C-alpha atoms as a PDB file:
ATOM      1  CA  MET A   1     107.168 -66.592-150.520  1.00  0.00           C
ATOM      2  CA  VAL A   2     107.689 -64.649-153.725  1.00  0.00           C
ATOM      3  CA  THR A   3     110.381 -65.871-156.105  1.00  0.00           C
ATOM      4  CA  ILE A   4     112.247 -63.472-158.349  1.00  0.00           C
ATOM      5  CA  GLU A   5     110.433 -64.982-161.339  1.00  0.00           C
ATOM      6  CA  VAL A   6     107.024 -64.272-159.793  1.00  0.00           C
ATOM      7  CA  TYR A   7     108.156 -60.777-158.781  1.00  0.00           C
ATOM      8  CA  LEU A   8     109.304 -60.032-162.352  1.00  0.00           C
ATOM      9  CA  LYS A   9     105.926 -61.132-163.716  1.00  0.00           C
ATOM     10  CA  MET A  10     104.024 -58.987-161.226  1.00  0.00           C
ATOM     11  CA  ARG A  11     106.173 -55.902-161.980  1.00  0.00           C
ATOM     12  CA  ASN A  12     105.897 -56.524-165.738  1.00  0.00           C
ATOM     13  CA  ASN A  13     102.108 -56.665-165.287  1.00  0.00           C
ATOM     14  CA  GLY A  14     102.114 -53.187-163.749  1.00  0.00           C
ATOM     15  CA  LYS A  15     102.140 -53.814-159.996  1.00  0.00           C
ATOM     16  CA  SER A  16     104.244 -51.461-157.915  1.00  0.00           C
ATOM     17  CA  LEU A  17     106.866 -52.477-155.384  1.00  0.00           C
ATOM     18  CA  GLU A  18     104.592 -51.225-152.597  1.00  0.00           C
ATOM     19  CA  GLU A  19     101.572 -53.224-153.841  1.00  0.00           C
ATOM     20  CA  ILE A  20     103.593 -56.430-154.060  1.00  0.00           C
ATOM     21  CA  GLN A  21     105.128 -55.854-150.638  1.00  0.00           C
ATOM     22  CA  LYS A  22     101.744 -55.271-149.008  1.00  0.00           C
ATOM     23  CA  GLU A  23      99.849 -58.079-150.788  1.00  0.00           C
ATOM     24  CA  ASN A  24     102.553 -60.639-150.010  1.00  0.00           C
ATOM     25  CA  ALA A  25     103.498 -59.409-146.520  1.00  0.00           C
ATOM     26  CA  LEU A  26     107.130 -58.945-147.549  1.00  0.00           C
ATOM     27  CA  SER A  27     109.631 -57.263-145.280  1.00  0.00           C
ATOM     28  CA  GLU A  28     111.146 -54.044-146.550  1.00  0.00           C
ATOM     29  CA  GLY A  29     114.508 -55.796-147.022  1.00  0.00           C
ATOM     30  CA  THR A  30     112.976 -58.583-149.091  1.00  0.00           C
ATOM     31  CA  ALA A  31     110.968 -56.155-151.202  1.00  0.00           C
ATOM     32  CA  TYR A  32     114.034 -54.047-151.995  1.00  0.00           C
ATOM     33  CA  THR A  33     116.155 -57.111-152.728  1.00  0.00           C
ATOM     34  CA  LEU A  34     113.546 -58.278-155.247  1.00  0.00           C
ATOM     35  CA  GLU A  35     113.339 -54.757-156.690  1.00  0.00           C
ATOM     36  CA  LEU A  36     117.116 -54.702-157.126  1.00  0.00           C
ATOM     37  CA  GLY A  37     116.827 -57.922-159.107  1.00  0.00           C
ATOM     38  CA  TYR A  38     114.041 -56.393-161.196  1.00  0.00           C
ATOM     39  CA  GLN A  39     116.026 -53.249-161.957  1.00  0.00           C
ATOM     40  CA  CYS A  40     119.048 -55.341-162.947  1.00  0.00           C
ATOM     41  CA  TYR A  41     116.764 -57.406-165.197  1.00  0.00           C
ATOM     42  CA  LEU A  42     115.513 -54.229-166.908  1.00  0.00           C
ATOM     43  CA  LYS A  43     119.076 -53.007-167.473  1.00  0.00           C
ATOM     44  CA  LYS A  44     120.321 -56.463-168.468  1.00  0.00           C
ATOM     45  CA  LEU A  45     122.877 -56.199-165.670  1.00  0.00           C
ATOM     46  CA  SER A  46     123.840 -59.257-163.655  1.00  0.00           C
ATOM     47  CA  LEU A  47     123.440 -59.034-159.893  1.00  0.00           C
ATOM     48  CA  ASP A  48     127.128 -59.742-159.311  1.00  0.00           C
ATOM     49  CA  LYS A  49     128.062 -56.743-161.497  1.00  0.00           C
ATOM     50  CA  ALA A  50     125.552 -54.576-159.633  1.00  0.00           C
ATOM     51  CA  ILE A  51     127.079 -55.620-156.314  1.00  0.00           C
ATOM     52  CA  LYS A  52     130.572 -54.758-157.571  1.00  0.00           C
ATOM     53  CA  ILE A  53     129.355 -51.320-158.678  1.00  0.00           C
ATOM     54  CA  ILE A  54     127.732 -50.689-155.301  1.00  0.00           C
ATOM     55  CA  GLN A  55     130.863 -51.806-153.444  1.00  0.00           C
ATOM     56  CA  LYS A  56     132.892 -49.162-155.285  1.00  0.00           C
ATOM     57  CA  VAL A  57     130.686 -46.353-153.972  1.00  0.00           C
END
């Protein structure tokens, strides 16, 4: 199980989404959910705001 905190650390240390997914046997859905959290973190955008943006599309 990879928490969002652990995922952020791994991405900040240079690991790719694909590397993390493979090394931790994550499903594609879980990997992309964690990546969404990471991208929101980089943009300083809360997940609830990101969801509202996506719902408008």
